[in-house]
Amino acid sequence: MRQAKIYMKDKFAGILTESGTENYIFQYNEEYLNQKDTEAVSLTIPLQKAPHESQILFPFFDGLIPEGWLLDIAETNWKISKKDRMGLLLTCCKDCIGAVSVRPME
């Protein structure tokens, strides 16, 4: 099981979990939900207390992964398969363009 902390504008928003059964769960942090002017990380992952579940990596998070020659560099340098979407997300998306960042859980 791999997990990532998801940050929205440098505020801890929630945890993305990949279980061993090809299932993904995103759970918003309760403190984040209780803050004033909180924003969803994506329109497809609305603010709610209940966890969001998906059989595939949520398309929003998959869209953060580099493409083309940048993906080739990540695959070559870090020996991560293009099919390992969670591995690529954890490795390449710590400092994304935009408001969301992904940090591996220790």
C-alpha atoms as a PDB file:
ATOM      1  CA  MET A   1       0.000   0.000   0.000  1.00  0.00           C
ATOM      2  CA  ARG A   2       1.382   3.377  -1.026  1.00  0.00           C
ATOM      3  CA  GLN A   3       0.147   6.727   0.208  1.00  0.00           C
ATOM      4  CA  ALA A   4       0.657  10.374  -0.639  1.00  0.00           C
ATOM      5  CA  LYS A   5      -0.158  13.587   1.163  1.00  0.00           C
ATOM      6  CA  ILE A   6      -2.012  15.952  -1.130  1.00  0.00           C
ATOM      7  CA  TYR A   7      -1.545  19.685  -0.637  1.00  0.00           C
ATOM      8  CA  MET A   8      -3.719  22.464  -2.043  1.00  0.00           C
ATOM      9  CA  LYS A   9      -1.933  25.830  -2.087  1.00  0.00           C
ATOM     10  CA  ASP A  10       0.479  24.486   0.565  1.00  0.00           C
ATOM     11  CA  LYS A  11      -2.377  23.416   2.866  1.00  0.00           C
ATOM     12  CA  PHE A  12      -2.644  19.723   3.706  1.00  0.00           C
ATOM     13  CA  ALA A  13      -5.851  18.682   1.918  1.00  0.00           C
ATOM     14  CA  GLY A  14      -5.944  14.901   2.258  1.00  0.00           C
ATOM     15  CA  ILE A  15      -4.428  11.498   1.647  1.00  0.00           C
ATOM     16  CA  LEU A  16      -4.369   9.480  -1.559  1.00  0.00           C
ATOM     17  CA  THR A  17      -4.020   5.740  -0.995  1.00  0.00           C
ATOM     18  CA  GLU A  18      -3.274   2.952  -3.461  1.00  0.00           C
ATOM     19  CA  SER A  19      -4.244  -0.388  -1.993  1.00  0.00           C
ATOM     20  CA  GLY A  20      -2.851  -3.665  -3.250  1.00  0.00           C
ATOM     21  CA  THR A  21      -6.150  -4.474  -4.959  1.00  0.00           C
ATOM     22  CA  GLU A  22      -5.851  -1.819  -7.705  1.00  0.00           C
ATOM     23  CA  ASN A  23      -8.165   0.435  -5.722  1.00  0.00           C
ATOM     24  CA  TYR A  24      -7.543   4.119  -5.042  1.00  0.00           C
ATOM     25  CA  ILE A  25      -9.005   6.166  -2.208  1.00  0.00           C
ATOM     26  CA  PHE A  26      -8.792   9.904  -1.649  1.00  0.00           C
ATOM     27  CA  GLN A  27      -9.865  11.169   1.772  1.00  0.00           C
ATOM     28  CA  TYR A  28     -10.025  14.864   2.569  1.00  0.00           C
ATOM     29  CA  ASN A  29      -8.453  15.894   5.865  1.00  0.00           C
ATOM     30  CA  GLU A  30     -11.152  16.894   8.365  1.00  0.00           C
ATOM     31  CA  GLU A  31      -9.259  20.011   9.450  1.00  0.00           C
ATOM     32  CA  TYR A  32      -8.977  21.067   5.812  1.00  0.00           C
ATOM     33  CA  LEU A  33     -12.725  20.623   5.326  1.00  0.00           C
ATOM     34  CA  ASN A  34     -13.421  22.818   8.366  1.00  0.00           C
ATOM     35  CA  GLN A  35     -11.272  25.745   7.195  1.00  0.00           C
ATOM     36  CA  LYS A  36     -12.856  28.872   5.761  1.00  0.00           C
ATOM     37  CA  ASP A  37     -12.805  29.215   1.953  1.00  0.00           C
ATOM     38  CA  THR A  38     -11.634  25.623   1.388  1.00  0.00           C
ATOM     39  CA  GLU A  39     -11.399  24.545  -2.248  1.00  0.00           C
ATOM     40  CA  ALA A  40     -11.684  21.073  -3.736  1.00  0.00           C
ATOM     41  CA  VAL A  41      -8.477  19.751  -5.288  1.00  0.00           C
ATOM     42  CA  SER A  42     -10.520  19.089  -8.431  1.00  0.00           C
ATOM     43  CA  LEU A  43     -14.083  19.554  -9.648  1.00  0.00           C
ATOM     44  CA  THR A  44     -14.187  15.773 -10.093  1.00  0.00           C
ATOM     45  CA  ILE A  45     -13.213  15.233  -6.430  1.00  0.00           C
ATOM     46  CA  PRO A  46     -15.674  17.471  -4.555  1.00  0.00           C
ATOM     47  CA  LEU A  47     -15.335  18.388  -0.897  1.00  0.00           C
ATOM     48  CA  GLN A  48     -16.934  15.734   1.319  1.00  0.00           C
ATOM     49  CA  LYS A  49     -16.220  13.819   4.503  1.00  0.00           C
ATOM     50  CA  ALA A  50     -16.766  10.403   2.906  1.00  0.00           C
ATOM     51  CA  PRO A  51     -13.787   8.979   0.994  1.00  0.00           C
ATOM     52  CA  HIS A  52     -13.700   9.042  -2.801  1.00  0.00           C
ATOM     53  CA  GLU A  53     -12.957   5.621  -4.334  1.00  0.00           C
ATOM     54  CA  SER A  54     -11.873   4.592  -7.818  1.00  0.00           C
ATOM     55  CA  GLN A  55     -10.728   1.427  -9.604  1.00  0.00           C
ATOM     56  CA  ILE A  56      -8.118   3.488 -11.477  1.00  0.00           C
ATOM     57  CA  LEU A  57      -5.918   6.384 -10.416  1.00  0.00           C
ATOM     58  CA  PHE A  58      -8.231   9.388 -10.335  1.00  0.00           C
ATOM     59  CA  PRO A  59      -7.951  11.129 -13.734  1.00  0.00           C
ATOM     60  CA  PHE A  60      -7.110  14.438 -12.033  1.00  0.00           C
ATOM     61  CA  PHE A  61      -4.043  12.946 -10.329  1.00  0.00           C
ATOM     62  CA  ASP A  62      -3.093  10.990 -13.451  1.00  0.00           C
ATOM     63  CA  GLY A  63      -3.123  14.284 -15.346  1.00  0.00           C
ATOM     64  CA  LEU A  64      -0.384  15.662 -13.070  1.00  0.00           C
ATOM     65  CA  ILE A  65       2.083  13.024 -14.309  1.00  0.00           C
ATOM     66  CA  PRO A  66       4.503  14.301 -16.985  1.00  0.00           C
ATOM     67  CA  GLU A  67       4.137  13.181 -20.589  1.00  0.00           C
ATOM     68  CA  GLY A  68       6.369  12.783 -23.617  1.00  0.00           C
ATOM     69  CA  TRP A  69      10.084  13.320 -23.210  1.00  0.00           C
ATOM     70  CA  LEU A  70       9.712  14.249 -19.512  1.00  0.00           C
ATOM     71  CA  LEU A  71       8.029  10.906 -18.882  1.00  0.00           C
ATOM     72  CA  ASP A  72      10.855   9.181 -20.774  1.00  0.00           C
ATOM     73  CA  ILE A  73      13.403  10.904 -18.514  1.00  0.00           C
ATOM     74  CA  ALA A  74      11.518   9.814 -15.385  1.00  0.00           C
ATOM     75  CA  GLU A  75      11.302   6.245 -16.657  1.00  0.00           C
ATOM     76  CA  THR A  76      15.007   6.121 -17.525  1.00  0.00           C
ATOM     77  CA  ASN A  77      16.473   7.947 -14.519  1.00  0.00           C
ATOM     78  CA  TRP A  78      14.254   6.553 -11.764  1.00  0.00           C
ATOM     79  CA  LYS A  79      13.552   3.164 -13.375  1.00  0.00           C
ATOM     80  CA  ILE A  80       9.787   3.612 -13.018  1.00  0.00           C
ATOM     81  CA  SER A  81       7.507   1.915 -15.516  1.00  0.00           C
ATOM     82  CA  LYS A  82       5.062   4.117 -17.423  1.00  0.00           C
ATOM     83  CA  LYS A  83       2.363   1.741 -16.159  1.00  0.00           C
ATOM     84  CA  ASP A  84       3.212   2.474 -12.501  1.00  0.00           C
ATOM     85  CA  ARG A  85       1.079   5.600 -12.314  1.00  0.00           C
ATOM     86  CA  MET A  86       1.196   5.904  -8.520  1.00  0.00           C
ATOM     87  CA  GLY A  87       4.982   5.524  -8.549  1.00  0.00           C
ATOM     88  CA  LEU A  88       5.285   8.271 -11.161  1.00  0.00           C
ATOM     89  CA  LEU A  89       2.908  10.512  -9.212  1.00  0.00           C
ATOM     90  CA  LEU A  90       4.911  10.045  -6.010  1.00  0.00           C
ATOM     91  CA  THR A  91       8.239  10.679  -7.748  1.00  0.00           C
ATOM     92  CA  CYS A  92       7.450  13.441 -10.234  1.00  0.00           C
ATOM     93  CA  CYS A  93       4.664  15.530  -8.723  1.00  0.00           C
ATOM     94  CA  LYS A  94       6.142  17.056  -5.579  1.00  0.00           C
ATOM     95  CA  ASP A  95       6.318  20.482  -7.208  1.00  0.00           C
ATOM     96  CA  CYS A  96       3.661  20.620  -9.912  1.00  0.00           C
ATOM     97  CA  ILE A  97       2.525  23.596 -11.899  1.00  0.00           C
ATOM     98  CA  GLY A  98      -0.679  24.776 -10.275  1.00  0.00           C
ATOM     99  CA  ALA A  99      -2.144  24.656  -6.797  1.00  0.00           C
ATOM    100  CA  VAL A 100      -1.819  20.930  -6.038  1.00  0.00           C
ATOM    101  CA  SER A 101       1.320  19.098  -4.917  1.00  0.00           C
ATOM    102  CA  VAL A 102       1.892  15.460  -4.023  1.00  0.00           C
ATOM    103  CA  ARG A 103       4.294  14.335  -1.302  1.00  0.00           C
ATOM    104  CA  PRO A 104       5.041  10.705  -0.466  1.00  0.00           C
ATOM    105  CA  MET A 105       4.131   9.544   3.027  1.00  0.00           C
ATOM    106  CA  GLU A 106       7.125   8.372   5.021  1.00  0.00           C
END
